[in-house]
Amino acid sequence: MDTIRGLIASNETITYIFFSTDSKESLPHIVSTENLSVVSDDCISVRSWFSSAFLSKVCDNQGISLVIWDFVSDAGFLLLGEVERIHEINRPYSFAADGETNIRPFQVERQLVMRVSKITEFGQISAAMPG
């Protein structure tokens, strides 16, 4: 398997990063994100304000895929693996205006660490070809 560090370093023009997961009922969920970093030769991490729906699906099914893709050159990679851990990295404080009774739950920025088990090429042409 090519090292993740090598793939990221050789693709400085990454324009899209997508996470995909599904629930036990096979309901898919796709998230667009940024802030990709390499943790080790087989782990990457992504920082994002993941929705509660996405986090719920990850708790149900830790299998996950990540697409790193440059739209202009149509070059990218599909990484398959499992969520190793998720932890909070930013929990901003939220204040209610005077007299406000409906306070939305505040959002939490999290870091998701994924252990990669397989890497394949990805692009509009390669994704459309069978096999």
Protein backbone atom coordinates (compact mmCIF):
# COMPACT_ATOMS: atom_id res chain seq x y z
CA MET A 1 0.00 0.00 0.00
CA ASP A 2 1.34 3.44 -0.90
CA THR A 3 1.94 5.53 2.15
CA ILE A 4 -0.70 8.10 2.94
CA ARG A 5 2.01 10.73 3.43
CA GLY A 6 3.21 10.14 -0.12
CA LEU A 7 -0.28 10.39 -1.58
CA ILE A 8 -1.05 13.64 0.19
CA ALA A 9 2.36 15.15 -0.62
CA SER A 10 2.06 14.28 -4.32
CA ASN A 11 -1.42 15.84 -4.57
CA GLU A 12 -1.03 19.42 -3.40
CA THR A 13 -4.08 20.56 -5.38
CA ILE A 14 -6.71 18.58 -3.48
CA THR A 15 -9.97 20.45 -3.90
CA TYR A 16 -12.53 18.07 -2.39
CA ILE A 17 -12.59 15.74 0.59
CA PHE A 18 -15.69 13.63 1.20
CA PHE A 19 -16.46 11.19 4.01
CA SER A 20 -19.09 8.52 3.50
CA THR A 21 -20.65 6.18 6.02
CA ASP A 22 -23.96 4.41 6.50
CA SER A 23 -26.16 3.23 9.33
CA LYS A 24 -27.09 -0.33 10.28
CA GLU A 25 -30.09 0.15 7.99
CA SER A 26 -27.73 1.01 5.07
CA LEU A 27 -28.80 4.66 4.95
CA PRO A 28 -25.80 6.54 3.48
CA HIS A 29 -24.46 9.83 4.76
CA ILE A 30 -21.86 11.97 2.96
CA VAL A 31 -19.93 14.86 4.49
CA SER A 32 -17.72 17.38 2.71
CA THR A 33 -14.84 18.52 4.85
CA GLU A 34 -11.32 19.96 4.92
CA ASN A 35 -8.45 20.12 7.38
CA LEU A 36 -6.96 16.74 6.45
CA SER A 37 -3.75 15.71 8.17
CA VAL A 38 -1.64 12.58 8.34
CA VAL A 39 -1.34 10.92 11.74
CA SER A 40 0.83 7.93 10.74
CA ASP A 41 1.54 5.72 7.73
CA ASP A 42 -1.92 4.14 8.05
CA CYS A 43 -3.98 6.84 9.80
CA ILE A 44 -5.37 10.22 8.77
CA SER A 45 -7.37 12.76 10.73
CA VAL A 46 -9.96 15.30 9.70
CA ARG A 47 -11.26 18.25 11.71
CA SER A 48 -14.84 19.29 11.12
CA TRP A 49 -18.12 20.37 12.68
CA PHE A 50 -19.64 16.92 12.05
CA SER A 51 -23.43 16.76 12.30
CA SER A 52 -25.12 14.63 14.94
CA ALA A 53 -26.57 12.46 12.12
CA PHE A 54 -23.08 11.70 10.81
CA LEU A 55 -21.77 10.94 14.30
CA SER A 56 -24.72 8.66 15.00
CA LYS A 57 -24.02 6.65 11.84
CA VAL A 58 -20.32 6.38 12.72
CA CYS A 59 -21.25 5.02 16.14
CA ASP A 60 -23.49 2.40 14.48
CA ASN A 61 -20.99 1.44 11.79
CA GLN A 62 -17.32 2.34 12.12
CA GLY A 63 -16.55 1.37 8.51
CA ILE A 64 -15.95 4.56 6.56
CA SER A 65 -14.65 5.77 3.21
CA LEU A 66 -12.87 8.98 2.35
CA VAL A 67 -12.47 10.47 -1.11
CA ILE A 68 -9.62 12.92 -1.73
CA TRP A 69 -10.15 14.44 -5.16
CA ASP A 70 -8.84 17.23 -7.36
CA PHE A 71 -11.69 18.24 -9.68
CA VAL A 72 -9.51 20.03 -12.24
CA SER A 73 -7.19 17.10 -12.96
CA ASP A 74 -9.84 14.48 -12.07
CA ALA A 75 -7.24 12.71 -9.95
CA GLY A 76 -7.82 11.39 -6.48
CA PHE A 77 -7.94 8.48 -4.12
CA LEU A 78 -10.56 6.46 -2.28
CA LEU A 79 -9.46 5.41 1.19
CA LEU A 80 -11.36 2.64 2.96
CA GLY A 81 -11.03 1.95 6.66
CA GLU A 82 -12.50 2.34 10.11
CA VAL A 83 -12.94 5.16 12.57
CA GLU A 84 -10.32 4.73 15.25
CA ARG A 85 -11.45 7.59 17.49
CA ILE A 86 -13.32 10.89 17.58
CA HIS A 87 -12.64 13.61 20.10
CA GLU A 88 -13.71 17.18 20.74
CA ILE A 89 -11.24 19.91 19.88
CA ASN A 90 -13.36 23.07 20.06
CA ARG A 91 -16.51 23.74 22.05
CA PRO A 92 -17.36 27.44 21.80
CA TYR A 93 -19.47 28.97 24.50
CA SER A 94 -22.97 30.05 23.57
CA PHE A 95 -24.88 32.88 25.19
CA ALA A 96 -28.61 33.58 25.02
CA ALA A 97 -29.91 37.07 24.42
CA ASP A 98 -32.01 38.55 27.23
CA GLY A 99 -35.38 36.81 27.38
CA GLU A 100 -34.45 34.12 24.82
CA THR A 101 -35.80 30.74 25.85
CA ASN A 102 -34.99 28.59 22.80
CA ILE A 103 -31.26 28.04 22.98
CA ARG A 104 -29.90 25.82 20.23
CA PRO A 105 -27.41 23.22 21.35
CA PHE A 106 -23.99 24.57 20.57
CA GLN A 107 -21.88 22.91 17.96
CA VAL A 108 -18.68 21.06 18.67
CA GLU A 109 -15.70 20.81 16.36
CA ARG A 110 -14.30 17.30 16.39
CA GLN A 111 -11.31 15.45 15.08
CA LEU A 112 -11.99 12.08 13.49
CA VAL A 113 -9.08 9.66 13.16
CA MET A 114 -9.42 6.99 10.48
CA ARG A 115 -7.25 3.86 10.17
CA VAL A 116 -6.86 3.20 6.43
CA SER A 117 -6.96 -0.41 5.22
CA LYS A 118 -7.14 0.10 1.44
CA ILE A 119 -6.34 2.85 -1.08
CA THR A 120 -7.55 2.92 -4.69
CA GLU A 121 -7.50 5.57 -7.41
CA PHE A 122 -10.56 7.79 -7.71
CA GLY A 123 -11.83 10.07 -10.46
CA GLN A 124 -14.89 10.55 -12.62
CA ILE A 125 -13.45 8.23 -15.26
CA SER A 126 -12.09 5.55 -12.89
CA ALA A 127 -15.28 5.62 -10.79
CA ALA A 128 -17.41 5.01 -13.89
CA MET A 129 -15.38 2.02 -15.08
CA PRO A 130 -16.37 -1.45 -13.80
CA GLY A 131 -13.97 -3.57 -11.79
